[in-house]
Structure formats: structure tokens, C-alpha cells
Amino acid sequence: MEITKEELTNIYGGISFSATVLNAITKAISTVYDIGRRIGSSINRLRNGNVC
């Protein structure tokens, strides 16, 4: 059984992610990671007494 082009255009469903959404999610995760790294580094410096 083959699906015609007209039938293919009528198919709905699934999850569609655009490049913009994926880019925004990636940037958000990267930002949270960087903030966590900076906070962790600050805590580590305060514990060890290596404050500028």
C-alpha cells in the first residue's frame, strides 16, 4: 500500500521541534551549567581561603 502526496499532507501528529526551540533549550541548559560552575567555584574559593 502506497500513500499518495495528498494523503501525506493530511497527516498530523508527533512532536515537531524547530531549530529555534532546540537552540533556546541548549542555550538555557548551558547558562544554568555556567551559573552552577561559577557558584561552585566561589564556594570552593571561600572554603580554601583563596579570595582575591
N, C-alpha and C. Protein backbone atom coordinates (compact mmCIF):
# COMPACT_ATOMS: atom_id res chain seq x y z
N MET A 1 0.85 -1.18 0.00
CA MET A 1 0.00 0.00 0.00
C MET A 1 0.89 1.24 0.00
N GLU A 2 0.65 2.13 -0.92
CA GLU A 2 1.40 3.37 -1.01
C GLU A 2 0.51 4.55 -0.62
N ILE A 3 1.14 5.54 -0.01
CA ILE A 3 0.41 6.74 0.39
C ILE A 3 0.66 7.81 -0.66
N THR A 4 -0.38 8.44 -1.08
CA THR A 4 -0.25 9.50 -2.09
C THR A 4 0.23 10.79 -1.43
N LYS A 5 0.65 11.73 -2.26
CA LYS A 5 1.11 13.02 -1.75
C LYS A 5 -0.01 13.76 -1.02
N GLU A 6 -1.22 13.61 -1.49
CA GLU A 6 -2.35 14.27 -0.85
C GLU A 6 -2.60 13.71 0.54
N GLU A 7 -2.45 12.41 0.68
CA GLU A 7 -2.63 11.79 1.99
C GLU A 7 -1.50 12.18 2.94
N LEU A 8 -0.30 12.31 2.41
CA LEU A 8 0.84 12.71 3.24
C LEU A 8 0.66 14.11 3.81
N THR A 9 0.05 14.99 3.04
CA THR A 9 -0.14 16.36 3.54
C THR A 9 -1.21 16.43 4.61
N ASN A 10 -2.04 15.41 4.74
CA ASN A 10 -3.11 15.40 5.73
C ASN A 10 -2.71 14.70 7.03
N ILE A 11 -1.48 14.22 7.14
CA ILE A 11 -1.05 13.52 8.34
C ILE A 11 -0.66 14.54 9.40
N TYR A 12 -1.23 14.41 10.59
CA TYR A 12 -0.93 15.29 11.72
C TYR A 12 -0.45 14.44 12.87
N GLY A 13 0.32 15.04 13.74
CA GLY A 13 0.74 14.32 14.94
C GLY A 13 2.23 14.37 15.13
N GLY A 14 2.64 13.81 16.22
CA GLY A 14 4.06 13.81 16.54
C GLY A 14 4.48 15.12 17.16
N ILE A 15 5.72 15.17 17.52
CA ILE A 15 6.28 16.37 18.13
C ILE A 15 7.23 16.99 17.12
N SER A 16 7.04 18.24 16.86
CA SER A 16 7.94 18.91 15.93
C SER A 16 8.69 20.01 16.68
N PHE A 17 10.00 19.90 16.67
CA PHE A 17 10.85 20.91 17.28
C PHE A 17 11.52 21.69 16.16
N SER A 18 11.42 22.97 16.24
CA SER A 18 12.12 23.78 15.26
C SER A 18 13.54 24.03 15.76
N ALA A 19 14.37 24.49 14.89
CA ALA A 19 15.76 24.77 15.26
C ALA A 19 15.83 25.87 16.31
N THR A 20 14.89 26.81 16.25
CA THR A 20 14.88 27.91 17.22
C THR A 20 14.61 27.39 18.63
N VAL A 21 13.66 26.47 18.76
CA VAL A 21 13.33 25.91 20.07
C VAL A 21 14.51 25.11 20.61
N LEU A 22 15.11 24.28 19.77
CA LEU A 22 16.26 23.49 20.22
C LEU A 22 17.43 24.38 20.62
N ASN A 23 17.65 25.45 19.87
CA ASN A 23 18.72 26.38 20.20
C ASN A 23 18.46 27.07 21.53
N ALA A 24 17.22 27.46 21.77
CA ALA A 24 16.87 28.12 23.04
C ALA A 24 17.05 27.17 24.22
N ILE A 25 16.65 25.91 24.06
CA ILE A 25 16.80 24.92 25.14
C ILE A 25 18.28 24.69 25.42
N THR A 26 19.08 24.56 24.38
CA THR A 26 20.52 24.35 24.54
C THR A 26 21.17 25.53 25.24
N LYS A 27 20.78 26.73 24.86
CA LYS A 27 21.36 27.92 25.48
C LYS A 27 20.95 28.02 26.95
N ALA A 28 19.71 27.68 27.27
CA ALA A 28 19.25 27.71 28.66
C ALA A 28 20.02 26.71 29.51
N ILE A 29 20.21 25.51 29.01
CA ILE A 29 20.95 24.49 29.76
C ILE A 29 22.39 24.94 29.96
N SER A 30 22.99 25.51 28.93
CA SER A 30 24.36 25.98 29.02
C SER A 30 24.48 27.10 30.05
N THR A 31 23.51 28.00 30.09
CA THR A 31 23.53 29.10 31.04
C THR A 31 23.41 28.59 32.47
N VAL A 32 22.52 27.66 32.71
CA VAL A 32 22.36 27.08 34.06
C VAL A 32 23.64 26.37 34.48
N TYR A 33 24.27 25.66 33.56
CA TYR A 33 25.52 24.97 33.85
C TYR A 33 26.62 25.96 34.23
N ASP A 34 26.74 27.04 33.47
CA ASP A 34 27.76 28.05 33.76
C ASP A 34 27.53 28.73 35.10
N ILE A 35 26.28 29.03 35.42
CA ILE A 35 25.97 29.64 36.71
C ILE A 35 26.33 28.69 37.84
N GLY A 36 26.00 27.43 37.69
CA GLY A 36 26.35 26.43 38.70
C GLY A 36 27.85 26.30 38.89
N ARG A 37 28.58 26.34 37.79
CA ARG A 37 30.04 26.25 37.88
C ARG A 37 30.62 27.45 38.61
N ARG A 38 30.10 28.63 38.32
CA ARG A 38 30.61 29.84 38.99
C ARG A 38 30.29 29.83 40.47
N ILE A 39 29.10 29.41 40.83
CA ILE A 39 28.73 29.35 42.25
C ILE A 39 29.59 28.32 42.97
N GLY A 40 29.78 27.15 42.33
CA GLY A 40 30.62 26.11 42.93
C GLY A 40 32.06 26.56 43.09
N SER A 41 32.56 27.27 42.11
CA SER A 41 33.93 27.78 42.20
C SER A 41 34.07 28.80 43.31
N SER A 42 33.06 29.66 43.46
CA SER A 42 33.09 30.67 44.52
C SER A 42 33.05 30.01 45.89
N ILE A 43 32.21 29.02 46.05
CA ILE A 43 32.13 28.31 47.35
C ILE A 43 33.46 27.64 47.64
N ASN A 44 34.06 27.02 46.64
CA ASN A 44 35.34 26.34 46.83
C ASN A 44 36.43 27.33 47.20
N ARG A 45 36.47 28.49 46.56
CA ARG A 45 37.46 29.50 46.89
C ARG A 45 37.27 30.04 48.30
N LEU A 46 36.01 30.23 48.71
CA LEU A 46 35.75 30.72 50.08
C LEU A 46 36.19 29.70 51.13
N ARG A 47 35.97 28.42 50.86
CA ARG A 47 36.36 27.37 51.81
C ARG A 47 37.88 27.31 51.97
N ASN A 48 38.57 27.45 50.84
CA ASN A 48 40.03 27.31 50.86
C ASN A 48 40.74 28.62 51.20
N GLY A 49 40.01 29.71 51.28
CA GLY A 49 40.60 30.99 51.63
C GLY A 49 41.34 31.65 50.48
N ASN A 50 41.03 31.29 49.25
CA ASN A 50 41.69 31.86 48.08
C ASN A 50 40.87 33.00 47.50
N VAL A 51 40.52 33.96 48.34
CA VAL A 51 39.71 35.08 47.89
C VAL A 51 40.65 36.20 47.46
N CYS A 52 40.37 36.81 46.35
CA CYS A 52 41.22 37.89 45.81
C CYS A 52 41.27 39.07 46.75
